[in-house]
PDB file of N, CA and C in Angstrom:
ATOM      1  N   MET A   1     220.901-119.621 -74.023  1.00  0.00           N
ATOM      2  CA  MET A   1     220.226-119.571 -72.840  1.00  0.00           C
ATOM      3  C   MET A   1     221.273-120.046 -71.615  1.00  0.00           C
ATOM      4  N   LYS A   2     221.256-119.436 -70.513  1.00  0.00           N
ATOM      5  CA  LYS A   2     222.233-119.699 -69.632  1.00  0.00           C
ATOM      6  C   LYS A   2     221.549-120.214 -68.426  1.00  0.00           C
ATOM      7  N   PRO A   3     222.151-121.399 -67.821  1.00  0.00           N
ATOM      8  CA  PRO A   3     221.437-121.913 -66.663  1.00  0.00           C
ATOM      9  C   PRO A   3     221.623-121.093 -65.449  1.00  0.00           C
ATOM     10  N   ILE A   4     220.905-121.265 -64.715  1.00  0.00           N
ATOM     11  CA  ILE A   4     220.845-120.326 -63.486  1.00  0.00           C
ATOM     12  C   ILE A   4     221.505-121.372 -62.219  1.00  0.00           C
ATOM     13  N   SER A   5     221.368-122.458 -62.270  1.00  0.00           N
ATOM     14  CA  SER A   5     222.169-123.476 -61.347  1.00  0.00           C
ATOM     15  C   SER A   5     222.468-124.581 -62.217  1.00  0.00           C
ATOM     16  N   PRO A   6     223.443-125.362 -61.510  1.00  0.00           N
ATOM     17  CA  PRO A   6     223.730-126.635 -62.222  1.00  0.00           C
ATOM     18  C   PRO A   6     222.549-127.746 -62.101  1.00  0.00           C
ATOM     19  N   THR A   7     221.942-127.791 -60.793  1.00  0.00           N
ATOM     20  CA  THR A   7     220.991-128.664 -60.662  1.00  0.00           C
ATOM     21  C   THR A   7     220.271-128.099 -59.362  1.00  0.00           C
ATOM     22  N   THR A   8     219.009-128.493 -59.267  1.00  0.00           N
ATOM     23  CA  THR A   8     218.133-127.777 -58.073  1.00  0.00           C
ATOM     24  C   THR A   8     217.580-128.883 -57.612  1.00  0.00           C
ATOM     25  N   GLY A   9     217.796-129.035 -56.199  1.00  0.00           N
ATOM     26  CA  GLY A   9     217.223-130.194 -55.416  1.00  0.00           C
ATOM     27  C   GLY A   9     217.148-131.487 -56.064  1.00  0.00           C
ATOM     28  N   ASN A  10     216.377-132.001 -56.889  1.00  0.00           N
ATOM     29  CA  ASN A  10     216.296-133.205 -57.472  1.00  0.00           C
ATOM     30  C   ASN A  10     217.215-133.252 -58.495  1.00  0.00           C
ATOM     31  N   SER A  11     218.218-134.491 -58.341  1.00  0.00           N
ATOM     32  CA  SER A  11     219.218-134.604 -59.283  1.00  0.00           C
ATOM     33  C   SER A  11     218.816-134.984 -60.555  1.00  0.00           C
ATOM     34  N   ARG A  12     217.541-135.424 -60.711  1.00  0.00           N
ATOM     35  CA  ARG A  12     217.182-136.143 -62.030  1.00  0.00           C
ATOM     36  C   ARG A  12     216.329-135.207 -63.003  1.00  0.00           C
ATOM     37  N   SER A  13     216.109-133.903 -62.399  1.00  0.00           N
ATOM     38  CA  SER A  13     215.532-132.890 -63.377  1.00  0.00           C
ATOM     39  C   SER A  13     216.550-132.033 -64.024  1.00  0.00           C
ATOM     40  N   PHE A  14     216.166-131.353 -65.191  1.00  0.00           N
ATOM     41  CA  PHE A  14     216.921-130.676 -65.739  1.00  0.00           C
ATOM     42  C   PHE A  14     217.311-129.244 -64.858  1.00  0.00           C
ATOM     43  N   PRO A  15     218.384-128.753 -65.421  1.00  0.00           N
ATOM     44  CA  PRO A  15     218.531-127.530 -64.666  1.00  0.00           C
ATOM     45  C   PRO A  15     217.516-126.438 -65.163  1.00  0.00           C
ATOM     46  N   LEU A  16     217.286-125.284 -64.309  1.00  0.00           N
ATOM     47  CA  LEU A  16     216.428-124.160 -64.596  1.00  0.00           C
ATOM     48  C   LEU A  16     217.249-123.415 -65.715  1.00  0.00           C
ATOM     49  N   VAL A  17     216.373-122.804 -66.534  1.00  0.00           N
ATOM     50  CA  VAL A  17     216.945-121.975 -67.391  1.00  0.00           C
ATOM     51  C   VAL A  17     216.342-120.506 -67.464  1.00  0.00           C
ATOM     52  N   GLU A  18     217.136-119.619 -67.629  1.00  0.00           N
ATOM     53  CA  GLU A  18     216.501-118.223 -67.674  1.00  0.00           C
ATOM     54  C   GLU A  18     216.182-117.964 -69.090  1.00  0.00           C
ATOM     55  N   PHE A  19     214.994-117.872 -69.469  1.00  0.00           N
ATOM     56  CA  PHE A  19     214.284-117.751 -70.703  1.00  0.00           C
ATOM     57  C   PHE A  19     214.680-116.154 -71.181  1.00  0.00           C
ATOM     58  N   SER A  20     214.776-115.349 -70.341  1.00  0.00           N
ATOM     59  CA  SER A  20     214.668-113.972 -71.029  1.00  0.00           C
ATOM     60  C   SER A  20     216.280-113.630 -71.376  1.00  0.00           C
ATOM     61  N   TYR A  21     217.064-114.325 -71.537  1.00  0.00           N
ATOM     62  CA  TYR A  21     218.371-114.073 -71.782  1.00  0.00           C
ATOM     63  C   TYR A  21     218.509-113.425 -73.314  1.00  0.00           C
ATOM     64  N   GLN A  22     219.357-112.353 -73.495  1.00  0.00           N
ATOM     65  CA  GLN A  22     219.540-111.659 -74.496  1.00  0.00           C
ATOM     66  C   GLN A  22     220.942-111.604 -74.816  1.00  0.00           C
ATOM     67  N   PRO A  23     221.507-112.070 -76.048  1.00  0.00           N
ATOM     68  CA  PRO A  23     223.054-111.992 -76.337  1.00  0.00           C
ATOM     69  C   PRO A  23     223.270-110.484 -76.391  1.00  0.00           C
ATOM     70  N   GLY A  24     224.468-110.183 -76.340  1.00  0.00           N
ATOM     71  CA  GLY A  24     225.058-108.949 -76.467  1.00  0.00           C
ATOM     72  C   GLY A  24     225.004-108.444 -77.972  1.00  0.00           C
ATOM     73  N   ARG A  25     225.001-107.139 -78.207  1.00  0.00           N
ATOM     74  CA  ARG A  25     224.734-106.675 -79.540  1.00  0.00           C
ATOM     75  C   ARG A  25     226.019-106.053 -80.031  1.00  0.00           C
ATOM     76  N   LEU A  26     226.421-106.139 -81.145  1.00  0.00           N
ATOM     77  CA  LEU A  26     227.492-105.430 -81.857  1.00  0.00           C
ATOM     78  C   LEU A  26     227.141-104.133 -82.100  1.00  0.00           C
ATOM     79  N   SER A  27     227.683-103.077 -81.583  1.00  0.00           N
ATOM     80  CA  SER A  27     227.350-101.705 -81.923  1.00  0.00           C
ATOM     81  C   SER A  27     228.029-101.140 -82.925  1.00  0.00           C
ATOM     82  N   GLY A  28     227.274-100.555 -83.969  1.00  0.00           N
ATOM     83  CA  GLY A  28     227.889-100.066 -85.393  1.00  0.00           C
ATOM     84  C   GLY A  28     227.945-100.987 -86.312  1.00  0.00           C
ATOM     85  N   TYR A  29     227.679-102.352 -86.103  1.00  0.00           N
ATOM     86  CA  TYR A  29     227.580-103.469 -87.174  1.00  0.00           C
ATOM     87  C   TYR A  29     226.374-103.183 -87.783  1.00  0.00           C
ATOM     88  N   GLN A  30     226.404-102.947 -89.360  1.00  0.00           N
ATOM     89  CA  GLN A  30     225.305-103.009 -90.224  1.00  0.00           C
ATOM     90  C   GLN A  30     225.392-104.127 -91.203  1.00  0.00           C
ATOM     91  N   PRO A  31     224.874-105.149 -91.184  1.00  0.00           N
ATOM     92  CA  PRO A  31     224.782-106.205 -92.241  1.00  0.00           C
ATOM     93  C   PRO A  31     224.418-105.677 -93.620  1.00  0.00           C
ATOM     94  N   ARG A  32     225.346-105.694 -94.461  1.00  0.00           N
ATOM     95  CA  ARG A  32     225.147-105.550 -95.891  1.00  0.00           C
ATOM     96  C   ARG A  32     225.689-106.547 -96.767  1.00  0.00           C
ATOM     97  N   CYS A  33     225.151-106.710 -97.801  1.00  0.00           N
ATOM     98  CA  CYS A  33     225.869-107.744 -98.837  1.00  0.00           C
ATOM     99  C   CYS A  33     227.094-106.957 -99.348  1.00  0.00           C
ATOM    100  N   ALA A  34     228.004-107.757 -99.459  1.00  0.00           N
ATOM    101  CA  ALA A  34     229.438-107.201-100.010  1.00  0.00           C
ATOM    102  C   ALA A  34     229.369-107.559-101.452  1.00  0.00           C
ATOM    103  N   LYS A  35     229.964-106.539-102.279  1.00  0.00           N
ATOM    104  CA  LYS A  35     229.991-106.990-103.636  1.00  0.00           C
ATOM    105  C   LYS A  35     231.225-107.785-103.788  1.00  0.00           C
ATOM    106  N   ASN A  36     231.247-108.698-104.668  1.00  0.00           N
ATOM    107  CA  ASN A  36     232.373-109.639-104.739  1.00  0.00           C
ATOM    108  C   ASN A  36     232.971-109.180-106.139  1.00  0.00           C
ATOM    109  N   ALA A  37     234.147-108.672-105.985  1.00  0.00           N
ATOM    110  CA  ALA A  37     234.894-108.209-106.959  1.00  0.00           C
ATOM    111  C   ALA A  37     235.490-109.083-107.998  1.00  0.00           C
ATOM    112  N   ALA A  38     235.526-110.359-107.709  1.00  0.00           N
ATOM    113  CA  ALA A  38     235.989-111.582-108.713  1.00  0.00           C
ATOM    114  C   ALA A  38     234.934-111.693-109.646  1.00  0.00           C
ATOM    115  N   PRO A  39     235.371-111.824-110.874  1.00  0.00           N
ATOM    116  CA  PRO A  39     234.363-112.266-111.975  1.00  0.00           C
ATOM    117  C   PRO A  39     233.635-113.654-111.883  1.00  0.00           C
ATOM    118  N   SER A  40     232.621-114.080-112.340  1.00  0.00           N
ATOM    119  CA  SER A  40     232.014-115.189-112.082  1.00  0.00           C
ATOM    120  C   SER A  40     232.779-116.103-113.125  1.00  0.00           C
ATOM    121  N   PHE A  41     232.657-117.528-112.660  1.00  0.00           N
ATOM    122  CA  PHE A  41     233.209-118.697-113.580  1.00  0.00           C
ATOM    123  C   PHE A  41     232.570-118.551-115.118  1.00  0.00           C
ATOM    124  N   ARG A  42     231.265-118.059-115.156  1.00  0.00           N
ATOM    125  CA  ARG A  42     230.687-117.811-116.464  1.00  0.00           C
ATOM    126  C   ARG A  42     231.409-116.830-117.283  1.00  0.00           C
ATOM    127  N   ASN A  43     231.621-115.945-116.714  1.00  0.00           N
ATOM    128  CA  ASN A  43     232.455-114.488-117.389  1.00  0.00           C
ATOM    129  C   ASN A  43     233.838-115.059-117.838  1.00  0.00           C
ATOM    130  N   ILE A  44     234.394-115.643-116.973  1.00  0.00           N
ATOM    131  CA  ILE A  44     235.725-116.222-117.364  1.00  0.00           C
ATOM    132  C   ILE A  44     235.950-117.146-118.279  1.00  0.00           C
ATOM    133  N   SER A  45     234.857-117.997-118.378  1.00  0.00           N
ATOM    134  CA  SER A  45     234.946-119.127-119.447  1.00  0.00           C
ATOM    135  C   SER A  45     234.550-118.376-120.951  1.00  0.00           C
ATOM    136  N   SER A  46     233.748-117.594-120.663  1.00  0.00           N
ATOM    137  CA  SER A  46     233.174-116.772-122.155  1.00  0.00           C
ATOM    138  C   SER A  46     234.088-116.036-122.554  1.00  0.00           C
ATOM    139  N   GLN A  47     234.981-115.355-121.673  1.00  0.00           N
ATOM    140  CA  GLN A  47     236.020-114.596-122.244  1.00  0.00           C
ATOM    141  C   GLN A  47     237.207-115.371-123.069  1.00  0.00           C
ATOM    142  N   TYR A  48     237.316-116.770-122.140  1.00  0.00           N
ATOM    143  CA  TYR A  48     238.430-117.637-122.632  1.00  0.00           C
ATOM    144  C   TYR A  48     238.071-117.961-124.022  1.00  0.00           C
ATOM    145  N   PHE A  49     236.739-118.421-124.309  1.00  0.00           N
ATOM    146  CA  PHE A  49     236.272-119.213-125.507  1.00  0.00           C
ATOM    147  C   PHE A  49     236.217-117.888-126.755  1.00  0.00           C
ATOM    148  N   GLN A  50     236.159-116.570-126.325  1.00  0.00           N
ATOM    149  CA  GLN A  50     236.247-115.626-127.093  1.00  0.00           C
ATOM    150  C   GLN A  50     237.319-115.206-127.861  1.00  0.00           C
ATOM    151  N   ARG A  51     238.247-115.269-126.785  1.00  0.00           N
ATOM    152  CA  ARG A  51     239.686-114.641-127.246  1.00  0.00           C
ATOM    153  C   ARG A  51     240.801-115.881-127.468  1.00  0.00           C
ATOM    154  N   GLU A  52     241.094-116.648-126.354  1.00  0.00           N
ATOM    155  CA  GLU A  52     242.167-117.601-126.563  1.00  0.00           C
ATOM    156  C   GLU A  52     241.844-118.817-127.249  1.00  0.00           C
ATOM    157  N   ALA A  53     240.731-119.254-126.915  1.00  0.00           N
ATOM    158  CA  ALA A  53     240.235-120.812-127.704  1.00  0.00           C
ATOM    159  C   ALA A  53     240.323-120.836-129.180  1.00  0.00           C
ATOM    160  N   ARG A  54     240.149-119.733-129.922  1.00  0.00           N
ATOM    161  CA  ARG A  54     240.082-119.562-131.288  1.00  0.00           C
ATOM    162  C   ARG A  54     241.398-119.721-131.648  1.00  0.00           C
ATOM    163  N   ARG A  55     242.577-119.140-131.264  1.00  0.00           N
ATOM    164  CA  ARG A  55     243.663-119.292-131.704  1.00  0.00           C
ATOM    165  C   ARG A  55     244.110-120.635-131.837  1.00  0.00           C
ATOM    166  N   ASP A  56     243.911-121.380-130.663  1.00  0.00           N
ATOM    167  CA  ASP A  56     244.411-122.808-130.480  1.00  0.00           C
ATOM    168  C   ASP A  56     243.827-123.676-131.096  1.00  0.00           C
ATOM    169  N   PHE A  57     242.618-123.626-131.587  1.00  0.00           N
ATOM    170  CA  PHE A  57     241.822-124.784-132.057  1.00  0.00           C
ATOM    171  C   PHE A  57     242.101-125.390-133.132  1.00  0.00           C
ATOM    172  N   VAL A  58     242.880-124.695-134.289  1.00  0.00           N
ATOM    173  CA  VAL A  58     243.283-125.581-135.232  1.00  0.00           C
ATOM    174  C   VAL A  58     244.468-126.237-135.251  1.00  0.00           C
ATOM    175  N   GLY A  59     245.303-126.058-134.255  1.00  0.00           N
ATOM    176  CA  GLY A  59     246.514-126.921-133.842  1.00  0.00           C
ATOM    177  C   GLY A  59     245.975-127.815-133.149  1.00  0.00           C
ATOM    178  N   GLU A  60     245.074-127.738-132.186  1.00  0.00           N
ATOM    179  CA  GLU A  60     244.734-128.878-131.325  1.00  0.00           C
ATOM    180  C   GLU A  60     243.624-129.872-132.315  1.00  0.00           C
ATOM    181  N   ALA A  61     242.978-129.265-133.236  1.00  0.00           N
ATOM    182  CA  ALA A  61     242.157-130.114-134.064  1.00  0.00           C
ATOM    183  C   ALA A  61     243.150-131.176-134.917  1.00  0.00           C
ATOM    184  N   CYS A  62     244.217-130.561-135.331  1.00  0.00           N
ATOM    185  CA  CYS A  62     245.037-131.415-136.369  1.00  0.00           C
ATOM    186  C   CYS A  62     245.946-132.308-135.310  1.00  0.00           C
ATOM    187  N   LEU A  63     246.159-131.972-134.172  1.00  0.00           N
ATOM    188  CA  LEU A  63     246.819-132.972-133.363  1.00  0.00           C
ATOM    189  C   LEU A  63     245.773-133.961-132.664  1.00  0.00           C
ATOM    190  N   PHE A  64     244.461-133.619-132.758  1.00  0.00           N
ATOM    191  CA  PHE A  64     243.508-134.708-132.407  1.00  0.00           C
ATOM    192  C   PHE A  64     243.510-135.626-133.508  1.00  0.00           C
ATOM    193  N   VAL A  65     243.400-135.140-134.803  1.00  0.00           N
ATOM    194  CA  VAL A  65     243.128-136.316-135.885  1.00  0.00           C
ATOM    195  C   VAL A  65     244.486-137.163-136.198  1.00  0.00           C
ATOM    196  N   ALA A  66     245.797-136.432-135.871  1.00  0.00           N
ATOM    197  CA  ALA A  66     246.765-137.386-135.537  1.00  0.00           C
ATOM    198  C   ALA A  66     246.664-138.543-134.843  1.00  0.00           C
ATOM    199  N   ILE A  67     246.264-138.229-133.488  1.00  0.00           N
ATOM    200  CA  ILE A  67     246.170-139.285-132.545  1.00  0.00           C
ATOM    201  C   ILE A  67     245.151-140.168-132.917  1.00  0.00           C
ATOM    202  N   ILE A  68     244.047-139.774-133.532  1.00  0.00           N
ATOM    203  CA  ILE A  68     242.990-140.685-133.865  1.00  0.00           C
ATOM    204  C   ILE A  68     243.553-141.882-135.029  1.00  0.00           C
ATOM    205  N   ILE A  69     244.287-141.194-136.043  1.00  0.00           N
ATOM    206  CA  ILE A  69     244.816-142.074-137.057  1.00  0.00           C
ATOM    207  C   ILE A  69     245.854-142.928-136.462  1.00  0.00           C
ATOM    208  N   THR A  70     246.595-142.405-135.530  1.00  0.00           N
ATOM    209  CA  THR A  70     247.545-143.329-134.870  1.00  0.00           C
ATOM    210  C   THR A  70     247.197-144.458-134.106  1.00  0.00           C
ATOM    211  N   ALA A  71     245.852-144.145-133.361  1.00  0.00           N
ATOM    212  CA  ALA A  71     245.312-145.171-132.584  1.00  0.00           C
ATOM    213  C   ALA A  71     244.363-146.117-133.453  1.00  0.00           C
ATOM    214  N   ALA A  72     244.000-145.583-134.675  1.00  0.00           N
ATOM    215  CA  ALA A  72     243.287-146.465-135.620  1.00  0.00           C
ATOM    216  C   ALA A  72     243.963-147.563-136.363  1.00  0.00           C
ATOM    217  N   ALA A  73     245.210-147.180-136.550  1.00  0.00           N
ATOM    218  CA  ALA A  73     246.193-148.058-137.300  1.00  0.00           C
ATOM    219  C   ALA A  73     246.183-149.642-136.863  1.00  0.00           C
ATOM    220  N   PRO A  74     246.380-149.690-135.529  1.00  0.00           N
ATOM    221  CA  PRO A  74     246.312-151.077-134.852  1.00  0.00           C
ATOM    222  C   PRO A  74     245.050-151.719-135.060  1.00  0.00           C
ATOM    223  N   PHE A  75     243.838-151.040-135.098  1.00  0.00           N
ATOM    224  CA  PHE A  75     242.620-151.720-135.036  1.00  0.00           C
ATOM    225  C   PHE A  75     242.385-152.529-136.629  1.00  0.00           C
ATOM    226  N   PHE A  76     242.866-151.431-137.750  1.00  0.00           N
ATOM    227  CA  PHE A  76     242.856-152.161-138.993  1.00  0.00           C
ATOM    228  C   PHE A  76     243.953-153.266-139.108  1.00  0.00           C
ATOM    229  N   ASN A  77     245.013-153.032-138.471  1.00  0.00           N
ATOM    230  CA  ASN A  77     245.908-154.432-138.604  1.00  0.00           C
ATOM    231  C   ASN A  77     245.301-155.563-137.839  1.00  0.00           C
ATOM    232  N   THR A  78     244.761-155.349-136.836  1.00  0.00           N
ATOM    233  CA  THR A  78     244.118-156.505-136.158  1.00  0.00           C
ATOM    234  C   THR A  78     242.758-157.173-136.938  1.00  0.00           C
ATOM    235  N   ALA A  79     242.103-156.074-137.475  1.00  0.00           N
ATOM    236  CA  ALA A  79     241.009-156.885-138.286  1.00  0.00           C
ATOM    237  C   ALA A  79     241.510-157.672-139.516  1.00  0.00           C
ATOM    238  N   SER A  80     242.540-157.167-140.296  1.00  0.00           N
ATOM    239  CA  SER A  80     243.114-157.941-141.206  1.00  0.00           C
ATOM    240  C   SER A  80     243.780-159.069-140.782  1.00  0.00           C
ATOM    241  N   ALA A  81     244.426-158.958-139.589  1.00  0.00           N
ATOM    242  CA  ALA A  81     244.848-160.516-139.090  1.00  0.00           C
ATOM    243  C   ALA A  81     243.828-161.403-138.757  1.00  0.00           C
ATOM    244  N   LEU A  82     242.821-160.964-138.190  1.00  0.00           N
ATOM    245  CA  LEU A  82     241.534-161.705-137.896  1.00  0.00           C
ATOM    246  C   LEU A  82     240.835-162.576-139.019  1.00  0.00           C
ATOM    247  N   ALA A  83     240.820-161.625-140.250  1.00  0.00           N
ATOM    248  CA  ALA A  83     240.357-162.198-141.474  1.00  0.00           C
ATOM    249  C   ALA A  83     241.026-162.952-141.982  1.00  0.00           C
ATOM    250  N   ASP A  84     242.772-163.090-142.107  1.00  0.00           N
ATOM    251  CA  ASP A  84     243.337-164.232-142.235  1.00  0.00           C
ATOM    252  C   ASP A  84     243.388-165.334-141.753  1.00  0.00           C
ATOM    253  N   PHE A  85     243.120-165.070-140.241  1.00  0.00           N
ATOM    254  CA  PHE A  85     242.916-166.258-139.328  1.00  0.00           C
ATOM    255  C   PHE A  85     241.798-167.045-139.666  1.00  0.00           C
ATOM    256  N   CYS A  86     240.488-166.551-139.860  1.00  0.00           N
ATOM    257  CA  CYS A  86     239.314-167.026-140.333  1.00  0.00           C
ATOM    258  C   CYS A  86     239.388-167.665-141.590  1.00  0.00           C
ATOM    259  N   ARG A  87     240.208-167.278-142.653  1.00  0.00           N
ATOM    260  CA  ARG A  87     240.239-167.864-143.851  1.00  0.00           C
ATOM    261  C   ARG A  87     240.997-168.982-143.686  1.00  0.00           C
ATOM    262  N   VAL A  88     242.212-169.115-143.007  1.00  0.00           N
ATOM    263  CA  VAL A  88     243.057-170.202-142.644  1.00  0.00           C
ATOM    264  C   VAL A  88     242.216-171.405-141.952  1.00  0.00           C
ATOM    265  N   ILE A  89     241.535-170.922-141.181  1.00  0.00           N
ATOM    266  CA  ILE A  89     240.944-172.100-140.084  1.00  0.00           C
ATOM    267  C   ILE A  89     239.665-172.453-140.984  1.00  0.00           C
ATOM    268  N   GLY A  90     239.024-171.702-142.103  1.00  0.00           N
ATOM    269  CA  GLY A  90     237.979-172.215-142.774  1.00  0.00           C
ATOM    270  C   GLY A  90     238.605-173.220-143.793  1.00  0.00           C
ATOM    271  N   GLN A  91     239.492-173.467-144.078  1.00  0.00           N
ATOM    272  CA  GLN A  91     240.276-174.209-145.185  1.00  0.00           C
ATOM    273  C   GLN A  91     240.299-175.637-144.522  1.00  0.00           C
ATOM    274  N   PHE A  92     240.481-175.909-143.399  1.00  0.00           N
ATOM    275  CA  PHE A  92     240.642-177.161-142.748  1.00  0.00           C
ATOM    276  C   PHE A  92     239.439-177.929-142.699  1.00  0.00           C
TER     277      PHE A  92
END
């Protein structure tokens, strides 16, 4: 809505507004839904798990087991040291 004039008479009142204002129209514009050519994330992930993930799974599983064994070794060493410490403290 466009104002007719900045102010009219009384400076405390709001400006008059023309209520029959119509915005310009775009000729030849027809709003339609555009088809998205890109595949969805779900399709991309399902294709990945069907084709590529199966090849790499065995190698990644072996690497995961090696990391777990490497990380578990210090815990067993710590448990053994604590058991020795408790045995020595119990003798006093």
